[in-house]
Protein backbone atom coordinates (compact mmCIF):
# COMPACT_ATOMS: atom_id res chain seq x y z
CA MET A 1 -16.52 17.70 -42.65
CA ASP A 2 -16.83 18.74 -39.06
CA ASP A 3 -17.49 16.18 -36.21
CA ALA A 4 -21.46 17.20 -35.71
CA SER A 5 -22.60 15.43 -38.68
CA TYR A 6 -20.07 12.80 -38.04
CA VAL A 7 -21.61 11.95 -35.24
CA ASP A 8 -25.26 12.99 -36.20
CA ARG A 9 -24.72 11.00 -39.33
CA ASN A 10 -22.96 7.79 -37.41
CA SER A 11 -26.00 7.76 -35.04
CA SER A 12 -28.79 7.99 -37.47
CA GLY A 13 -29.48 11.70 -36.16
CA GLN A 14 -30.66 10.63 -32.82
CA ARG A 15 -28.40 12.82 -30.47
CA SER A 16 -26.65 15.97 -31.02
CA GLU A 17 -23.05 16.34 -30.78
CA ASP A 18 -23.52 18.23 -27.45
CA ASP A 19 -25.45 15.59 -26.26
CA VAL A 20 -23.19 12.91 -27.03
CA ASP A 21 -20.16 15.25 -25.22
CA GLY A 22 -22.24 15.61 -22.94
CA ALA A 23 -23.18 12.09 -21.48
CA ILE A 24 -19.23 11.31 -22.20
CA ALA A 25 -18.05 14.14 -19.70
CA ARG A 26 -20.24 12.82 -16.80
CA LEU A 27 -19.35 9.23 -17.46
CA ALA A 28 -15.46 10.08 -17.27
CA ARG A 29 -15.60 12.47 -14.56
CA ARG A 30 -17.00 9.42 -12.35
CA GLN A 31 -14.35 7.45 -13.94
CA HIS A 32 -11.04 9.94 -13.52
CA GLY A 33 -11.58 10.89 -16.97
CA ARG A 34 -11.24 6.78 -18.43
CA VAL A 35 -14.11 5.40 -20.55
CA ALA A 36 -14.28 1.93 -21.85
CA ARG A 37 -15.62 1.37 -25.87
CA ASP A 38 -18.40 -0.82 -24.87
CA GLN A 39 -19.56 2.34 -22.42
CA LEU A 40 -19.37 4.67 -25.55
CA VAL A 41 -21.31 2.19 -27.80
CA ALA A 42 -23.82 2.22 -24.75
CA LEU A 43 -24.29 6.05 -25.50
CA GLY A 44 -24.97 5.47 -28.89
CA LEU A 45 -21.69 6.18 -30.61
CA SER A 46 -20.62 3.85 -33.77
CA ALA A 47 -17.68 2.27 -34.04
CA ASP A 48 -17.09 4.94 -36.91
CA VAL A 49 -17.42 7.64 -34.65
CA ILE A 50 -15.48 6.29 -31.76
CA ASP A 51 -12.44 5.69 -34.13
CA TYR A 52 -13.30 9.10 -35.86
CA ARG A 53 -13.25 10.55 -31.90
CA VAL A 54 -9.69 9.19 -31.66
CA ALA A 55 -7.75 10.31 -34.99
CA ARG A 56 -9.32 14.10 -33.94
CA SER A 57 -7.13 13.45 -30.50
CA ARG A 58 -10.69 13.71 -28.24
CA LEU A 59 -10.11 10.12 -26.94
CA HIS A 60 -6.82 9.07 -26.61
CA VAL A 61 -6.06 5.11 -26.44
CA VAL A 62 -4.46 3.97 -23.17
CA TYR A 63 -5.36 0.11 -23.56
CA ARG A 64 -7.35 -1.53 -26.50
CA GLY A 65 -10.68 -0.68 -26.03
CA VAL A 66 -9.69 1.83 -23.19
CA TYR A 67 -9.94 5.69 -23.84
CA ALA A 68 -8.54 8.48 -21.84
CA VAL A 69 -10.93 11.68 -22.95
CA GLY A 70 -10.00 14.88 -24.05
CA HIS A 71 -6.64 14.51 -22.85
CA ASP A 72 -3.68 12.13 -21.43
CA VAL A 73 -2.42 13.66 -18.37
CA PRO A 74 -2.22 10.01 -16.05
CA THR A 75 -2.67 10.16 -12.88
CA ARG A 76 -2.74 7.14 -10.32
CA GLU A 77 -5.98 7.06 -9.55
CA ALA A 78 -6.85 7.11 -13.99
CA ASN A 79 -4.14 4.67 -14.20
CA TRP A 80 -5.97 2.32 -12.12
CA MET A 81 -9.42 2.83 -13.58
CA ALA A 82 -8.61 2.08 -16.94
CA ALA A 83 -6.57 -1.17 -15.71
CA VAL A 84 -10.07 -1.70 -13.98
CA LEU A 85 -11.76 -0.92 -17.59
CA ALA A 86 -9.56 -2.70 -19.84
CA ALA A 87 -10.01 -5.94 -17.86
CA GLY A 88 -13.57 -5.98 -18.31
CA GLU A 89 -16.43 -6.62 -16.28
CA GLY A 90 -16.51 -7.75 -13.14
CA CYS A 91 -13.03 -6.77 -12.45
CA LEU A 92 -11.66 -4.68 -9.72
CA LEU A 93 -8.33 -3.79 -8.17
CA SER A 94 -6.61 -5.64 -6.02
CA HIS A 95 -3.73 -6.84 -3.33
CA ARG A 96 -0.73 -4.11 -3.30
CA ASP A 97 -2.52 -1.46 -6.12
CA ALA A 98 -5.85 -1.62 -3.72
CA ALA A 99 -3.77 -1.54 -0.59
CA SER A 100 -2.40 1.79 -1.67
CA LEU A 101 -5.98 3.18 -2.99
CA TRP A 102 -6.89 2.98 0.62
CA GLY A 103 -3.51 4.49 1.22
CA ILE A 104 -3.18 1.18 3.99
CA ARG A 105 0.35 0.82 1.95
CA ALA A 106 2.30 2.63 -1.11
CA ASN A 107 3.41 0.83 -3.25
CA ALA A 108 5.69 1.95 -6.36
CA ARG A 109 5.33 -1.13 -8.49
CA SER A 110 4.07 -0.71 -12.28
CA LEU A 111 2.01 -3.41 -12.60
CA ILE A 112 -1.11 -2.96 -11.34
CA GLU A 113 -3.02 -6.07 -9.84
CA ILE A 114 -6.41 -6.66 -11.11
CA THR A 115 -9.07 -9.71 -9.45
CA THR A 116 -10.43 -11.30 -12.30
CA PRO A 117 -13.31 -13.90 -12.09
CA ARG A 118 -12.70 -15.15 -15.13
CA SER A 119 -8.74 -15.81 -17.49
CA ARG A 120 -7.81 -13.20 -19.05
CA ARG A 121 -5.23 -12.52 -22.11
CA PRO A 122 -2.05 -11.04 -20.64
CA ARG A 123 -1.98 -7.00 -21.38
CA GLN A 124 0.95 -4.72 -20.78
CA GLY A 125 1.12 -3.02 -17.86
CA ILE A 126 -1.45 -5.30 -15.86
CA GLN A 127 -0.87 -8.36 -13.40
CA PHE A 128 -3.93 -10.59 -13.18
CA HIS A 129 -5.41 -12.78 -10.26
CA ARG A 130 -7.92 -15.24 -10.66
CA SER A 131 -10.52 -15.36 -7.94
CA SER A 132 -14.06 -14.81 -8.00
CA LEU A 133 -14.99 -12.83 -4.99
CA PRO A 134 -18.70 -12.91 -3.28
CA SER A 135 -20.62 -9.84 -2.51
CA ASP A 136 -19.28 -8.84 0.78
CA GLU A 137 -15.67 -8.59 -0.53
CA ILE A 138 -16.08 -5.97 -3.26
CA THR A 139 -16.47 -2.46 -3.17
CA VAL A 140 -15.97 0.80 -4.65
CA CYS A 141 -13.71 3.97 -3.25
CA ASP A 142 -13.38 6.46 -5.16
CA GLY A 143 -15.40 5.74 -8.15
CA ILE A 144 -13.08 2.75 -8.80
CA PRO A 145 -13.97 -1.02 -7.94
CA VAL A 146 -11.80 -2.61 -5.10
CA THR A 147 -11.64 -5.40 -3.18
CA THR A 148 -12.66 -4.33 0.36
CA VAL A 149 -9.77 -3.44 3.40
CA PRO A 150 -9.99 -7.23 5.30
CA ARG A 151 -9.91 -8.85 1.45
CA THR A 152 -7.13 -6.62 0.45
CA LEU A 153 -4.97 -7.37 3.51
CA PHE A 154 -5.68 -10.71 3.06
CA ASP A 155 -4.54 -10.88 -0.69
CA LEU A 156 -1.43 -8.57 0.61
CA ALA A 157 -0.46 -11.60 3.07
CA THR A 158 -0.09 -13.81 -0.05
CA VAL A 159 2.57 -11.49 -1.22
CA LEU A 160 3.76 -9.17 1.82
CA SER A 161 5.99 -10.57 4.85
CA PHE A 162 4.75 -11.15 8.60
CA ARG A 163 6.36 -7.47 9.75
CA GLN A 164 5.19 -5.86 6.33
CA LEU A 165 1.50 -7.33 6.72
CA GLU A 166 1.73 -6.29 10.40
CA ARG A 167 1.84 -2.83 9.66
CA ALA A 168 -0.49 -2.62 7.04
CA LEU A 169 -3.31 -4.04 9.00
CA GLY A 170 -2.04 -1.61 11.64
CA GLU A 171 -2.18 1.35 9.03
CA ALA A 172 -5.57 0.22 8.14
CA GLU A 173 -6.66 0.61 12.55
CA THR A 174 -5.12 3.70 12.35
CA ARG A 175 -7.26 4.77 9.46
CA LYS A 176 -10.27 3.41 11.06
CA LEU A 177 -11.39 1.21 7.84
CA TRP A 178 -13.61 -1.25 9.66
CA ASP A 179 -15.98 -3.05 7.20
CA GLU A 180 -18.78 -5.83 8.30
CA LEU A 181 -16.45 -8.84 7.21
CA SER A 182 -13.67 -8.64 9.20
CA LEU A 183 -10.14 -10.33 9.07
CA LEU A 184 -11.16 -12.94 10.95
CA ASP A 185 -14.23 -14.04 9.54
CA LEU A 186 -12.44 -14.30 6.02
CA LEU A 187 -9.81 -16.68 7.68
CA ARG A 188 -12.06 -18.70 8.98
CA ARG A 189 -14.31 -18.55 5.00
CA TYR A 190 -10.47 -19.46 3.65
CA PRO A 191 -8.43 -21.79 6.32
CA ARG A 192 -6.02 -23.10 3.47
CA ARG A 193 -5.70 -20.70 1.33
CA PRO A 194 -2.62 -18.91 0.25
CA GLY A 195 -1.56 -16.45 2.84
CA SER A 196 -3.61 -17.99 5.61
CA ARG A 197 -0.89 -18.35 7.62
CA THR A 198 0.54 -15.34 7.46
CA VAL A 199 -3.35 -13.09 8.56
CA ARG A 200 -3.34 -16.10 11.28
CA ALA A 201 0.25 -15.52 12.87
CA VAL A 202 -0.50 -11.86 12.51
CA LEU A 203 -4.09 -11.66 14.49
CA GLU A 204 -2.73 -14.00 17.34
CA ALA A 205 0.36 -11.72 17.77
CA ARG A 206 -2.25 -9.25 17.68
CA ALA A 207 -4.24 -10.92 20.60
CA GLU A 208 -1.49 -11.25 22.63
CA GLY A 209 -1.06 -7.55 22.96
CA ALA A 210 1.82 -7.04 20.48
CA LYS A 211 2.46 -2.84 19.72
CA VAL A 212 1.37 -1.92 16.35
CA ILE A 213 4.27 -1.15 13.85
CA ARG A 214 4.43 1.96 12.96
CA SER A 215 6.50 2.78 9.81
CA ASP A 216 7.77 0.98 7.22
CA LEU A 217 11.39 1.90 8.71
CA GLU A 218 10.18 -0.36 11.78
CA VAL A 219 9.84 -3.44 9.55
CA GLU A 220 12.53 -3.20 7.88
CA PHE A 221 14.78 -3.25 11.03
CA LEU A 222 12.73 -5.96 12.70
CA GLU A 223 13.55 -7.71 9.75
CA PHE A 224 16.99 -6.75 9.79
CA VAL A 225 17.39 -8.30 13.66
CA ASP A 226 15.64 -11.69 12.16
CA GLY A 227 17.55 -12.01 9.80
CA VAL A 228 21.13 -11.51 11.27
CA GLY A 229 19.64 -13.51 14.33
CA LEU A 230 19.41 -10.62 17.11
CA PRO A 231 17.16 -11.20 19.83
CA GLU A 232 13.85 -9.28 18.70
CA PRO A 233 13.33 -5.63 20.84
CA LYS A 234 10.40 -4.29 22.14
CA LEU A 235 8.38 -1.89 20.17
CA ASN A 236 7.40 1.54 21.12
CA GLU A 237 8.20 1.11 24.46
CA ASP A 238 7.94 3.70 27.39
CA VAL A 239 11.66 4.15 28.90
CA GLU A 240 12.45 7.46 31.43
CA GLY A 241 9.26 8.90 29.99
CA LEU A 242 10.10 8.78 26.30
CA GLU A 243 8.60 6.41 23.76
CA ILE A 244 11.33 4.60 22.10
CA ASP A 245 11.00 2.71 18.70
CA ALA A 246 12.94 -0.59 19.53
CA VAL A 247 13.93 -1.40 23.54
CA TRP A 248 16.28 -4.22 24.91
CA ARG A 249 15.28 -3.45 28.60
CA ASP A 250 17.62 -6.32 30.00
CA GLN A 251 21.00 -4.61 27.76
CA ARG A 252 19.15 -0.95 28.12
CA VAL A 253 20.22 -0.67 24.51
CA ALA A 254 17.58 2.11 22.78
CA VAL A 255 16.88 2.14 19.31
CA GLU A 256 15.84 5.13 17.45
CA LEU A 257 14.77 4.67 13.64
CA ASP A 258 15.39 8.16 12.61
CA SER A 259 13.94 8.60 8.66
CA ARG A 260 14.69 12.59 7.04
CA THR A 261 10.70 13.23 6.92
CA PHE A 262 10.82 13.50 10.83
CA HIS A 263 13.87 14.20 11.98
CA MET A 264 15.04 17.32 9.28
CA THR A 265 13.95 20.50 11.31
CA THR A 266 15.53 22.53 13.69
CA ALA A 267 13.34 21.86 16.16
CA ALA A 268 13.71 17.78 15.40
CA PHE A 269 17.17 17.81 15.28
CA GLU A 270 17.52 19.54 19.07
CA GLY A 271 14.92 17.21 20.44
CA ASP A 272 16.59 14.37 19.25
CA ARG A 273 20.02 15.28 21.19
CA GLU A 274 17.87 15.98 24.44
CA ARG A 275 16.70 12.56 24.19
CA ASP A 276 19.28 11.13 23.57
CA ARG A 277 21.25 12.93 26.67
CA MET A 278 17.87 12.11 28.74
CA LEU A 279 18.64 8.79 28.28
CA GLU A 280 22.53 8.60 28.94
CA VAL A 281 22.16 10.06 32.39
CA ALA A 282 19.80 7.70 32.71
CA ARG A 283 22.65 4.75 32.02
CA TRP A 284 20.92 3.45 28.76
CA HIS A 285 23.10 3.39 25.28
CA PRO A 286 20.72 5.41 22.86
CA ILE A 287 21.63 4.72 19.02
CA ARG A 288 20.17 6.21 15.74
CA VAL A 289 19.49 4.08 12.90
CA THR A 290 18.93 4.77 9.57
CA ALA A 291 17.44 2.99 6.59
CA ARG A 292 20.35 3.75 4.71
CA GLN A 293 22.64 1.98 6.95
CA LEU A 294 20.20 -0.80 6.65
CA HIS A 295 20.56 -0.89 3.44
CA ARG A 296 24.73 0.53 2.94
CA THR A 297 26.19 -0.88 6.19
CA PRO A 298 23.96 -3.60 7.60
CA ASP A 299 26.97 -6.08 8.34
CA ARG A 300 28.81 -2.96 10.93
CA LEU A 301 25.00 -2.59 11.88
CA ARG A 302 24.77 -6.40 13.14
CA ASP A 303 28.28 -6.18 14.34
CA ASP A 304 27.65 -2.87 16.53
CA LEU A 305 24.39 -4.16 17.95
CA ALA A 306 25.83 -7.78 19.06
CA LYS A 307 28.32 -5.85 21.00
CA LEU A 308 26.01 -3.91 22.74
CA LEU A 309 23.65 -6.60 23.38
CA GLY A 310 27.15 -8.65 25.00
CA LEU A 311 26.53 -10.79 22.12
CA ILE A 312 30.12 -10.72 21.13
CA PRO A 313 32.99 -9.32 23.16
CA GLY A 314 33.77 -5.84 22.47
CA GLY A 315 30.58 -4.59 24.38
CA PRO A 316 29.76 -2.08 26.95
CA PRO A 317 30.50 -3.23 30.64
CA SER A 318 28.63 -5.38 31.79
CA ALA A 319 28.66 -3.03 35.50
CA ARG A 320 26.09 -1.33 33.61
CA ARG A 321 23.27 -3.00 33.49
CA ASP A 322 23.03 -3.00 37.25
CA GLN A 323 22.33 0.71 36.78
CA PRO A 324 18.73 1.41 38.37
CA GLY A 325 16.56 2.68 34.76
């Protein structure tokens, strides 16, 4: 028995195989190659026809009731779409995965976060958050139902630190991801919900003119400084005509946060050394900090910074602080 006769027999001859294949293909293109069983039924496929196509590897089971069409080569977007379809009607991508879809924060977690308006049975690979969201907190991005950017940031406030949320908000601003409903509107709408305190603190810091945090390494460095009890530096400050990542002006300490991504080219290598020389000539103490140092030798880094800041013996001569600059 060929596939065409099987389709015709189970759909009472109302649709040809080409019609059905075309309809499935159009649906799959809109949904990153993923379709739900109830969508296939709505197209006129019977349960037997769906099972037959699974057996013939024309549909591949991703979750119970969710299929990859034609082949099972997962992409990030396909995985998100499959999770939303598996969760069911009214569910949408949220939290860290929504942030990744919007491009405001990378996410390496294997669990996909979905917001659902009602209780759901646990699904492997999916983390459910129960919340019934109004229409102005819901949208579609790249064909995937998702929380709006402000709502995504509000949700992130429940799972990220103050610094990490600052960074995500800064990235949203850089990408000009505006929405009619602002983060401040959400704070007024949900003044006591989890995360509201963090959102309020971030917005207050922005109102006071806090500099935008530009990288995850800046977040890590500031959290390190807070964690070891060092005074907080100024970020992205102008020093001798150079923009420096972190600065303690009174102690004339200038910290450059180095990432392999941006500092491994020949031009960057030469430019970094020229910057260090200019700062040294102007009687500053330039130092370079990497993520590896933050993770591997935090105690040594803490002690070195404390000495430079004059918090423990062994720092630079105090006379240097009186030099012009």
